[in-house]
C-alpha atoms as a PDB file:
ATOM      1  CA  MET A   1     -31.245  -5.246  10.500  1.00  0.00           C
ATOM      2  CA  ALA A   2     -28.461  -7.517   8.361  1.00  0.00           C
ATOM      3  CA  TRP A   3     -26.464  -5.842   5.744  1.00  0.00           C
ATOM      4  CA  GLN A   4     -27.498  -6.603   2.720  1.00  0.00           C
ATOM      5  CA  ARG A   5     -24.827  -7.225  -0.136  1.00  0.00           C
ATOM      6  CA  PRO A   6     -25.610  -4.905  -2.996  1.00  0.00           C
ATOM      7  CA  ASP A   7     -24.205  -8.695  -5.744  1.00  0.00           C
ATOM      8  CA  GLY A   8     -27.117 -10.255  -3.867  1.00  0.00           C
ATOM      9  CA  ARG A   9     -24.317 -12.993  -2.306  1.00  0.00           C
ATOM     10  CA  GLN A  10     -24.904 -14.846   0.845  1.00  0.00           C
ATOM     11  CA  PRO A  11     -22.964 -14.037   3.478  1.00  0.00           C
ATOM     12  CA  TYR A  12     -20.487 -16.846   3.291  1.00  0.00           C
ATOM     13  CA  GLU A  13     -19.892 -16.022  -0.454  1.00  0.00           C
ATOM     14  CA  LEU A  14     -16.924 -15.883  -2.795  1.00  0.00           C
ATOM     15  CA  ARG A  15     -17.211 -13.612  -5.557  1.00  0.00           C
ATOM     16  CA  PRO A  16     -16.883 -14.991  -8.847  1.00  0.00           C
ATOM     17  CA  VAL A  17     -13.295 -16.229  -9.028  1.00  0.00           C
ATOM     18  CA  SER A  18     -11.067 -17.193 -12.298  1.00  0.00           C
ATOM     19  CA  PHE A  19      -7.727 -17.106 -13.481  1.00  0.00           C
ATOM     20  CA  GLN A  20      -6.256 -16.057 -17.335  1.00  0.00           C
ATOM     21  CA  SER A  21      -2.940 -17.945 -17.851  1.00  0.00           C
ATOM     22  CA  GLY A  22      -0.561 -16.375 -20.377  1.00  0.00           C
ATOM     23  CA  PHE A  23      -2.424 -12.970 -20.070  1.00  0.00           C
ATOM     24  CA  THR A  24       0.865 -11.882 -21.006  1.00  0.00           C
ATOM     25  CA  ARG A  25       3.742 -12.944 -24.227  1.00  0.00           C
ATOM     26  CA  PHE A  26       7.010 -12.296 -22.886  1.00  0.00           C
ATOM     27  CA  ALA A  27       6.808 -13.813 -18.321  1.00  0.00           C
ATOM     28  CA  PRO A  28       7.342 -17.045 -17.803  1.00  0.00           C
ATOM     29  CA  GLY A  29       4.491 -16.691 -15.237  1.00  0.00           C
ATOM     30  CA  SER A  30       1.760 -14.323 -16.429  1.00  0.00           C
ATOM     31  CA  VAL A  31      -1.783 -14.646 -14.140  1.00  0.00           C
ATOM     32  CA  LEU A  32      -4.454 -11.940 -15.018  1.00  0.00           C
ATOM     33  CA  ALA A  33      -6.349 -12.962 -12.080  1.00  0.00           C
ATOM     34  CA  ARG A  34      -9.974 -11.965 -11.547  1.00  0.00           C
ATOM     35  CA  CYS A  35     -12.433 -11.224  -8.041  1.00  0.00           C
ATOM     36  CA  GLY A  36     -15.560 -10.275  -8.789  1.00  0.00           C
ATOM     37  CA  ASP A  37     -14.403  -6.419 -10.329  1.00  0.00           C
ATOM     38  CA  THR A  38     -10.917  -6.967  -9.192  1.00  0.00           C
ATOM     39  CA  GLN A  39      -8.579  -7.534 -11.685  1.00  0.00           C
ATOM     40  CA  VAL A  40      -4.798  -8.270 -10.665  1.00  0.00           C
ATOM     41  CA  LEU A  41      -2.372  -8.810 -13.889  1.00  0.00           C
ATOM     42  CA  CYS A  42      -0.016 -11.328 -11.709  1.00  0.00           C
ATOM     43  CA  ASN A  43       3.303 -12.078 -14.147  1.00  0.00           C
ATOM     44  CA  VAL A  44       6.899 -13.948 -12.508  1.00  0.00           C
ATOM     45  CA  SER A  45      10.156 -13.346 -14.236  1.00  0.00           C
ATOM     46  CA  VAL A  46      13.190 -15.286 -13.392  1.00  0.00           C
ATOM     47  CA  THR A  47      17.069 -14.727 -13.291  1.00  0.00           C
ATOM     48  CA  GLU A  48      19.535 -15.795 -12.250  1.00  0.00           C
ATOM     49  CA  GLY A  49      21.144 -15.043  -9.525  1.00  0.00           C
ATOM     50  CA  VAL A  50      20.473 -13.788  -5.792  1.00  0.00           C
ATOM     51  CA  PRO A  51      20.396 -11.264  -3.300  1.00  0.00           C
ATOM     52  CA  ARG A  52      24.011 -10.402  -1.883  1.00  0.00           C
ATOM     53  CA  PHE A  53      23.038 -11.618   1.466  1.00  0.00           C
ATOM     54  CA  LEU A  54      22.131 -15.258  -0.359  1.00  0.00           C
ATOM     55  CA  THR A  55      25.418 -15.109  -2.358  1.00  0.00           C
ATOM     56  CA  GLY A  56      27.478 -18.657  -2.033  1.00  0.00           C
ATOM     57  CA  SER A  57      24.751 -19.123   0.239  1.00  0.00           C
ATOM     58  CA  GLY A  58      22.804 -21.729  -3.119  1.00  0.00           C
ATOM     59  CA  LYS A  59      19.685 -20.442  -2.100  1.00  0.00           C
ATOM     60  CA  GLY A  60      17.321 -18.901  -4.046  1.00  0.00           C
ATOM     61  CA  TRP A  61      14.748 -16.057  -2.971  1.00  0.00           C
ATOM     62  CA  LEU A  62      11.696 -14.143  -4.511  1.00  0.00           C
ATOM     63  CA  THR A  63      10.697 -10.689  -3.734  1.00  0.00           C
ATOM     64  CA  ALA A  64       7.283  -9.463  -5.207  1.00  0.00           C
ATOM     65  CA  GLU A  65       6.551  -5.501  -6.414  1.00  0.00           C
ATOM     66  CA  TYR A  66       2.921  -3.970  -5.710  1.00  0.00           C
ATOM     67  CA  ARG A  67       1.656  -0.996  -8.596  1.00  0.00           C
ATOM     68  CA  MET A  68      -2.491   0.544  -9.132  1.00  0.00           C
ATOM     69  CA  LEU A  69      -2.685   1.847 -12.010  1.00  0.00           C
ATOM     70  CA  PRO A  70      -3.822   5.484 -11.926  1.00  0.00           C
ATOM     71  CA  ALA A  71      -6.972   4.350 -13.593  1.00  0.00           C
ATOM     72  CA  ALA A  72      -8.202   0.790 -11.589  1.00  0.00           C
ATOM     73  CA  THR A  73     -10.780   2.761  -9.245  1.00  0.00           C
ATOM     74  CA  GLN A  74     -12.912   5.000 -10.213  1.00  0.00           C
ATOM     75  CA  GLN A  75     -10.562   8.820  -9.215  1.00  0.00           C
ATOM     76  CA  ARG A  76      -7.326   9.131 -11.216  1.00  0.00           C
ATOM     77  CA  GLN A  77      -4.320   8.010  -8.645  1.00  0.00           C
ATOM     78  CA  GLU A  78      -0.676   9.242  -9.310  1.00  0.00           C
ATOM     79  CA  ARG A  79       1.730   7.520 -10.600  1.00  0.00           C
ATOM     80  CA  GLU A  80       4.018   6.342  -7.427  1.00  0.00           C
ATOM     81  CA  TRP A  81       7.909   6.902  -8.807  1.00  0.00           C
ATOM     82  CA  LEU A  82      10.345   7.074  -6.727  1.00  0.00           C
ATOM     83  CA  LYS A  83       8.508   6.867  -3.384  1.00  0.00           C
ATOM     84  CA  LEU A  84       6.341   4.767  -2.188  1.00  0.00           C
ATOM     85  CA  SER A  85       3.234   5.069  -0.556  1.00  0.00           C
ATOM     86  CA  GLY A  86       3.291   2.814   3.017  1.00  0.00           C
ATOM     87  CA  ARG A  87       0.156   1.014   1.472  1.00  0.00           C
ATOM     88  CA  THR A  88       2.442  -0.178  -1.701  1.00  0.00           C
ATOM     89  CA  GLN A  89       5.351  -0.923   0.391  1.00  0.00           C
ATOM     90  CA  GLU A  90       2.827  -3.064   3.190  1.00  0.00           C
ATOM     91  CA  ILE A  91       1.628  -4.801  -0.059  1.00  0.00           C
ATOM     92  CA  GLN A  92       4.415  -5.994  -1.659  1.00  0.00           C
ATOM     93  CA  ARG A  93       5.656  -7.427   1.083  1.00  0.00           C
ATOM     94  CA  LEU A  94       2.398  -9.240   3.150  1.00  0.00           C
ATOM     95  CA  ILE A  95       3.004 -10.169  -1.344  1.00  0.00           C
ATOM     96  CA  GLY A  96       6.313 -10.928  -0.975  1.00  0.00           C
ATOM     97  CA  ARG A  97       5.924 -13.139   2.155  1.00  0.00           C
ATOM     98  CA  SER A  98       3.069 -15.420   1.328  1.00  0.00           C
ATOM     99  CA  LEU A  99       4.666 -16.631  -0.865  1.00  0.00           C
ATOM    100  CA  ARG A 100       7.843 -17.240   0.109  1.00  0.00           C
ATOM    101  CA  ALA A 101       6.383 -19.970   2.275  1.00  0.00           C
ATOM    102  CA  THR A 102       5.509 -21.912  -1.000  1.00  0.00           C
ATOM    103  CA  LEU A 103       8.499 -22.755  -1.928  1.00  0.00           C
ATOM    104  CA  ASP A 104      11.297 -25.059  -1.265  1.00  0.00           C
ATOM    105  CA  PHE A 105      14.869 -22.377  -1.800  1.00  0.00           C
ATOM    106  CA  GLU A 106      17.466 -24.938  -1.876  1.00  0.00           C
ATOM    107  CA  ALA A 107      15.734 -26.750  -4.577  1.00  0.00           C
ATOM    108  CA  LEU A 108      15.147 -23.337  -6.842  1.00  0.00           C
ATOM    109  CA  GLY A 109      19.128 -22.685  -6.818  1.00  0.00           C
ATOM    110  CA  GLU A 110      20.525 -19.274  -7.074  1.00  0.00           C
ATOM    111  CA  ARG A 111      18.001 -17.111  -8.509  1.00  0.00           C
ATOM    112  CA  THR A 112      15.519 -15.253  -8.015  1.00  0.00           C
ATOM    113  CA  ILE A 113      11.735 -15.039  -8.506  1.00  0.00           C
ATOM    114  CA  THR A 114       9.594 -11.266  -8.776  1.00  0.00           C
ATOM    115  CA  VAL A 115       6.218 -11.653  -8.674  1.00  0.00           C
ATOM    116  CA  ASP A 116       4.667  -8.031 -10.357  1.00  0.00           C
ATOM    117  CA  ALA A 117       1.007  -7.146  -9.446  1.00  0.00           C
ATOM    118  CA  ASP A 118      -0.761  -4.773 -11.616  1.00  0.00           C
ATOM    119  CA  VAL A 119      -3.757  -3.761 -10.231  1.00  0.00           C
ATOM    120  CA  LEU A 120      -5.811  -3.107 -13.556  1.00  0.00           C
ATOM    121  CA  GLN A 121      -9.055  -2.408 -12.116  1.00  0.00           C
ATOM    122  CA  ALA A 122      -9.642  -2.342  -7.518  1.00  0.00           C
ATOM    123  CA  ASP A 123     -12.685  -3.085  -6.302  1.00  0.00           C
ATOM    124  CA  ALA A 124     -11.749  -4.298  -2.491  1.00  0.00           C
ATOM    125  CA  GLY A 125      -9.799  -7.251  -2.013  1.00  0.00           C
ATOM    126  CA  THR A 126      -6.633  -5.917  -4.349  1.00  0.00           C
ATOM    127  CA  ARG A 127      -3.806  -7.816  -2.291  1.00  0.00           C
ATOM    128  CA  THR A 128      -5.591 -11.402  -1.303  1.00  0.00           C
ATOM    129  CA  THR A 129      -6.678 -11.393  -5.421  1.00  0.00           C
ATOM    130  CA  ALA A 130      -2.838 -10.460  -6.346  1.00  0.00           C
ATOM    131  CA  ILE A 131      -1.548 -13.219  -3.823  1.00  0.00           C
ATOM    132  CA  THR A 132      -3.738 -16.357  -4.867  1.00  0.00           C
ATOM    133  CA  GLY A 133      -3.558 -14.880  -9.162  1.00  0.00           C
ATOM    134  CA  GLY A 134      -0.070 -14.638  -7.952  1.00  0.00           C
ATOM    135  CA  PHE A 135       0.899 -18.675  -6.547  1.00  0.00           C
ATOM    136  CA  VAL A 136      -1.052 -19.161  -9.958  1.00  0.00           C
ATOM    137  CA  ALA A 137       0.747 -17.257 -11.769  1.00  0.00           C
ATOM    138  CA  LEU A 138       4.374 -18.776  -9.952  1.00  0.00           C
ATOM    139  CA  ALA A 139       3.445 -22.512 -10.624  1.00  0.00           C
ATOM    140  CA  GLN A 140       3.644 -21.593 -14.245  1.00  0.00           C
ATOM    141  CA  ALA A 141       6.952 -19.966 -13.569  1.00  0.00           C
ATOM    142  CA  ILE A 142       8.101 -22.780 -12.212  1.00  0.00           C
ATOM    143  CA  SER A 143       6.361 -25.852 -15.194  1.00  0.00           C
ATOM    144  CA  GLN A 144       8.155 -24.237 -17.601  1.00  0.00           C
ATOM    145  CA  LEU A 145      11.830 -23.867 -15.950  1.00  0.00           C
ATOM    146  CA  LEU A 146      11.124 -27.631 -15.911  1.00  0.00           C
ATOM    147  CA  GLN A 147      10.206 -28.324 -19.150  1.00  0.00           C
ATOM    148  CA  ARG A 148      13.014 -26.361 -19.958  1.00  0.00           C
ATOM    149  CA  GLY A 149      15.299 -28.378 -17.635  1.00  0.00           C
ATOM    150  CA  VAL A 150      16.724 -25.463 -16.211  1.00  0.00           C
ATOM    151  CA  LEU A 151      15.324 -27.188 -12.766  1.00  0.00           C
ATOM    152  CA  GLU A 152      15.617 -31.312 -11.927  1.00  0.00           C
ATOM    153  CA  ARG A 153      12.818 -30.997  -9.933  1.00  0.00           C
ATOM    154  CA  SER A 154      10.139 -28.020  -8.815  1.00  0.00           C
ATOM    155  CA  PRO A 155      10.490 -26.260  -6.052  1.00  0.00           C
ATOM    156  CA  LEU A 156       6.402 -25.595  -4.571  1.00  0.00           C
ATOM    157  CA  CYS A 157       6.664 -27.225  -1.384  1.00  0.00           C
ATOM    158  CA  GLY A 158       2.985 -25.502  -0.793  1.00  0.00           C
ATOM    159  CA  GLN A 159       0.236 -23.662  -1.763  1.00  0.00           C
ATOM    160  CA  VAL A 160      -1.431 -20.336  -1.102  1.00  0.00           C
ATOM    161  CA  ALA A 161      -4.105 -18.519  -1.546  1.00  0.00           C
ATOM    162  CA  ALA A 162      -5.992 -15.395   0.676  1.00  0.00           C
ATOM    163  CA  VAL A 163      -8.588 -13.716   0.718  1.00  0.00           C
ATOM    164  CA  SER A 164     -10.757 -10.660   2.651  1.00  0.00           C
ATOM    165  CA  VAL A 165     -13.550 -10.871   5.636  1.00  0.00           C
ATOM    166  CA  GLY A 166     -15.224  -8.535   7.923  1.00  0.00           C
ATOM    167  CA  LEU A 167     -18.168  -7.290  10.413  1.00  0.00           C
ATOM    168  CA  LEU A 168     -21.192  -5.805   8.347  1.00  0.00           C
ATOM    169  CA  GLU A 169     -23.651  -5.268  11.226  1.00  0.00           C
ATOM    170  CA  GLY A 170     -21.904  -7.416  13.640  1.00  0.00           C
ATOM    171  CA  LYS A 171     -21.902 -10.300  11.317  1.00  0.00           C
ATOM    172  CA  PRO A 172     -19.207 -11.958   9.491  1.00  0.00           C
ATOM    173  CA  TYR A 173     -19.335 -11.329   6.125  1.00  0.00           C
ATOM    174  CA  LEU A 174     -16.794 -13.214   3.415  1.00  0.00           C
ATOM    175  CA  ASP A 175     -14.082 -11.360  -0.282  1.00  0.00           C
ATOM    176  CA  LEU A 176     -15.837  -7.801   1.021  1.00  0.00           C
ATOM    177  CA  ASN A 177     -16.268  -5.810  -2.202  1.00  0.00           C
ATOM    178  CA  TYR A 178     -15.775  -2.124  -2.157  1.00  0.00           C
ATOM    179  CA  PRO A 179     -18.740  -0.631  -1.046  1.00  0.00           C
ATOM    180  CA  GLU A 180     -18.594  -3.743   2.174  1.00  0.00           C
ATOM    181  CA  ASP A 181     -15.046  -2.533   2.775  1.00  0.00           C
ATOM    182  CA  VAL A 182     -15.639   1.197   3.791  1.00  0.00           C
ATOM    183  CA  ALA A 183     -19.177  -0.135   5.034  1.00  0.00           C
ATOM    184  CA  ALA A 184     -17.314  -2.743   8.073  1.00  0.00           C
ATOM    185  CA  THR A 185     -16.088  -1.723  11.687  1.00  0.00           C
ATOM    186  CA  VAL A 186     -14.303  -4.452  11.267  1.00  0.00           C
ATOM    187  CA  ASP A 187     -11.620  -5.534   8.249  1.00  0.00           C
ATOM    188  CA  PHE A 188      -9.714  -8.759   8.315  1.00  0.00           C
ATOM    189  CA  ASN A 189      -7.163 -10.471   5.372  1.00  0.00           C
ATOM    190  CA  VAL A 190      -5.936 -13.939   5.965  1.00  0.00           C
ATOM    191  CA  VAL A 191      -3.791 -16.021   4.020  1.00  0.00           C
ATOM    192  CA  MET A 192      -3.708 -19.228   4.364  1.00  0.00           C
ATOM    193  CA  ASP A 193      -1.266 -22.462   3.181  1.00  0.00           C
ATOM    194  CA  ASN A 194      -3.328 -26.006   1.512  1.00  0.00           C
ATOM    195  CA  CYS A 195      -2.719 -27.725   5.361  1.00  0.00           C
ATOM    196  CA  LEU A 196      -5.083 -23.840   6.196  1.00  0.00           C
ATOM    197  CA  GLY A 197      -2.257 -23.408   8.375  1.00  0.00           C
ATOM    198  CA  ILE A 198      -2.396 -19.541   8.575  1.00  0.00           C
ATOM    199  CA  ILE A 199       0.256 -17.755   6.644  1.00  0.00           C
ATOM    200  CA  GLU A 200      -0.813 -14.370   7.632  1.00  0.00           C
ATOM    201  CA  VAL A 201      -3.824 -12.687   9.664  1.00  0.00           C
ATOM    202  CA  GLN A 202      -4.123  -8.212   9.490  1.00  0.00           C
ATOM    203  CA  GLY A 203      -7.484  -6.914  10.439  1.00  0.00           C
ATOM    204  CA  THR A 204      -8.729  -4.817  12.807  1.00  0.00           C
ATOM    205  CA  ALA A 205     -11.510  -3.030  14.091  1.00  0.00           C
ATOM    206  CA  GLU A 206     -12.710   0.751  12.292  1.00  0.00           C
ATOM    207  CA  GLU A 207     -14.753   1.486  14.439  1.00  0.00           C
ATOM    208  CA  GLY A 208     -14.955   0.338  18.090  1.00  0.00           C
ATOM    209  CA  SER A 209     -14.273  -3.337  18.825  1.00  0.00           C
ATOM    210  CA  PHE A 210     -14.854  -6.935  18.103  1.00  0.00           C
ATOM    211  CA  THR A 211     -15.275  -9.891  20.662  1.00  0.00           C
ATOM    212  CA  ARG A 212     -13.047 -13.385  20.514  1.00  0.00           C
ATOM    213  CA  THR A 213     -16.441 -14.874  19.387  1.00  0.00           C
ATOM    214  CA  GLN A 214     -16.537 -12.618  16.211  1.00  0.00           C
ATOM    215  CA  LEU A 215     -12.751 -13.251  15.518  1.00  0.00           C
ATOM    216  CA  ASN A 216     -13.620 -17.433  15.565  1.00  0.00           C
ATOM    217  CA  GLN A 217     -16.294 -16.643  13.939  1.00  0.00           C
ATOM    218  CA  LEU A 218     -14.280 -14.159  10.794  1.00  0.00           C
ATOM    219  CA  LEU A 219     -11.772 -16.880  10.326  1.00  0.00           C
ATOM    220  CA  ASP A 220     -14.205 -19.273   9.413  1.00  0.00           C
ATOM    221  CA  PHE A 221     -15.188 -17.921   7.348  1.00  0.00           C
ATOM    222  CA  ALA A 222     -11.929 -16.506   6.402  1.00  0.00           C
ATOM    223  CA  GLU A 223     -10.934 -20.734   6.146  1.00  0.00           C
ATOM    224  CA  LYS A 224     -14.143 -21.292   3.898  1.00  0.00           C
ATOM    225  CA  GLY A 225     -13.472 -19.062   1.495  1.00  0.00           C
ATOM    226  CA  ILE A 226     -10.479 -20.344   0.737  1.00  0.00           C
ATOM    227  CA  GLN A 227     -10.844 -23.369   0.949  1.00  0.00           C
ATOM    228  CA  GLU A 228     -12.953 -22.416  -2.465  1.00  0.00           C
ATOM    229  CA  LEU A 229      -9.567 -20.613  -3.570  1.00  0.00           C
ATOM    230  CA  LEU A 230      -7.553 -23.620  -3.511  1.00  0.00           C
ATOM    231  CA  ILE A 231      -9.303 -25.299  -5.172  1.00  0.00           C
ATOM    232  CA  ALA A 232      -9.641 -23.030  -8.606  1.00  0.00           C
ATOM    233  CA  GLN A 233      -6.318 -22.155  -8.211  1.00  0.00           C
ATOM    234  CA  ARG A 234      -5.917 -26.809  -9.175  1.00  0.00           C
ATOM    235  CA  GLU A 235      -7.995 -26.473 -10.864  1.00  0.00           C
ATOM    236  CA  ALA A 236      -5.723 -23.620 -12.770  1.00  0.00           C
ATOM    237  CA  ILE A 237      -2.403 -25.479 -13.578  1.00  0.00           C
ATOM    238  CA  PRO A 238      -2.553 -28.290 -15.467  1.00  0.00           C
ATOM    239  CA  ASP A 239       0.255 -30.045 -14.522  1.00  0.00           C
ATOM    240  CA  TRP A 240      -0.075 -29.594 -10.555  1.00  0.00           C
ATOM    241  CA  GLU A 241       0.173 -33.691  -9.426  1.00  0.00           C
ATOM    242  CA  LYS A 242       3.781 -32.978 -11.243  1.00  0.00           C
ATOM    243  CA  LEU A 243       4.601 -29.743  -9.620  1.00  0.00           C
ATOM    244  CA  PHE A 244       4.560 -31.375  -6.147  1.00  0.00           C
ATOM    245  CA  GLU A 245       6.249 -34.777  -7.778  1.00  0.00           C
ATOM    246  CA  VAL A 246       8.589 -35.699  -4.572  1.00  0.00           C
END
């Protein structure tokens, strides 16, 4: 018997996606990214200077921080203070790696970009939503730096989006929500660039194993979803062409 999606979507359908730009006042880039009932606030800040290992190199840096608000899930979670959980560290490193793939750090100069991803509401897919929304906020911040004359040219050299896929009852499904994420026997997070090149794949069998054919099906579903997300990102960035002028 085939899995019946709780929200009635087809196996290959994304949840409704939106990007609310300028969500906060002071960050150069600020976007509330919504993917179904998952909501992630992505703020991008820019500071002069770089970590010590890059000082004098003429190159910039991007780092990311990820947190989940205590009431983001049905059961309140304790705030993470001095010691971050392994999950939080893993996710913020993934966000950083993914977004660094979109930048020419020589064009950025010795500046540090910090992407803060704060989960306001979690219904699975928080890390993929953080990456997808984080890129829109990053583009917004770069646009502001260009307008202020801080940068002579845009350091953006690519685009990135991410989505989850999984196997339920042996069949592939795109963009899992929480009930599906819990029930999935195989769960993947896939990050791709605008050429559909793979930046990262995180996947595991929660029980048993999966075949190469099933893996290919999951990647096909992920690619379809990411193509749609890339279009949605471009529609949310008014000066898209200017940001990618050579």
